[in-house]
Protein backbone atom coordinates (compact mmCIF):
# COMPACT_ATOMS: atom_id res chain seq x y z
CA MET A 1 -26.03 16.58 -3.97
CA PRO A 2 -23.52 13.73 -3.51
CA PRO A 3 -20.16 13.96 -4.92
CA GLU A 4 -19.87 12.89 -8.56
CA PHE A 5 -16.77 11.24 -10.21
CA PHE A 6 -15.58 10.30 -13.71
CA LEU A 7 -13.04 7.53 -13.31
CA ASP A 8 -10.57 6.05 -15.88
CA ARG A 9 -9.88 2.42 -15.96
CA ASN A 10 -6.77 2.73 -13.65
CA LEU A 11 -8.97 2.86 -10.52
CA GLY A 12 -10.80 -0.23 -11.44
CA ARG A 13 -14.38 -1.37 -10.91
CA ARG A 14 -14.06 -1.88 -7.17
CA VAL A 15 -13.19 1.62 -6.47
CA ALA A 16 -16.27 2.71 -8.53
CA GLU A 17 -18.51 0.23 -6.72
CA GLY A 18 -17.24 1.23 -3.33
CA LEU A 19 -17.94 4.99 -4.08
CA ARG A 20 -21.41 3.99 -5.38
CA SER A 21 -22.14 2.02 -2.22
CA CYS A 22 -21.56 5.29 -0.35
CA GLY A 23 -24.18 6.91 -2.38
CA TRP A 24 -21.83 8.77 -4.61
CA ILE A 25 -22.50 9.27 -8.42
CA VAL A 26 -19.70 7.41 -10.42
CA HIS A 27 -19.22 7.38 -14.20
CA ARG A 28 -16.60 4.87 -15.38
CA ILE A 29 -14.73 5.54 -18.57
CA GLY A 30 -15.88 2.26 -19.92
CA GLU A 31 -19.56 3.27 -19.63
CA VAL A 32 -18.92 6.24 -21.88
CA PHE A 33 -16.21 5.18 -24.29
CA PRO A 34 -15.88 1.90 -26.35
CA ASP A 35 -13.28 -0.55 -25.44
CA ASP A 36 -12.93 0.84 -21.87
CA GLY A 37 -11.58 4.07 -23.38
CA GLN A 38 -8.18 2.48 -24.23
CA ASP A 39 -7.92 4.35 -27.59
CA VAL A 40 -9.19 7.70 -26.25
CA PRO A 41 -6.49 10.29 -25.59
CA ASP A 42 -6.27 11.64 -22.06
CA GLU A 43 -7.21 15.06 -23.20
CA GLU A 44 -10.53 13.84 -24.80
CA TRP A 45 -11.72 11.98 -21.61
CA ILE A 46 -10.63 14.59 -19.30
CA THR A 47 -12.43 17.24 -21.29
CA HIS A 48 -15.55 15.02 -21.33
CA GLY A 49 -15.45 14.83 -17.58
CA LEU A 50 -14.73 18.64 -17.18
CA ASP A 51 -17.54 19.49 -19.48
CA ARG A 52 -19.94 17.70 -17.12
CA SER A 53 -18.53 19.30 -14.08
């Protein structure tokens, strides 16, 4: 299995695209939460990522 990541907006789209081009699985916060997750508390999005390993 390739590495899998859940990225917040601070890393930007280029990092996500670069990891994806290496065959890694990347989930950006903006793909999961509305408004790029700007109103989502850190605890919530971190828990979301941890719940999915």
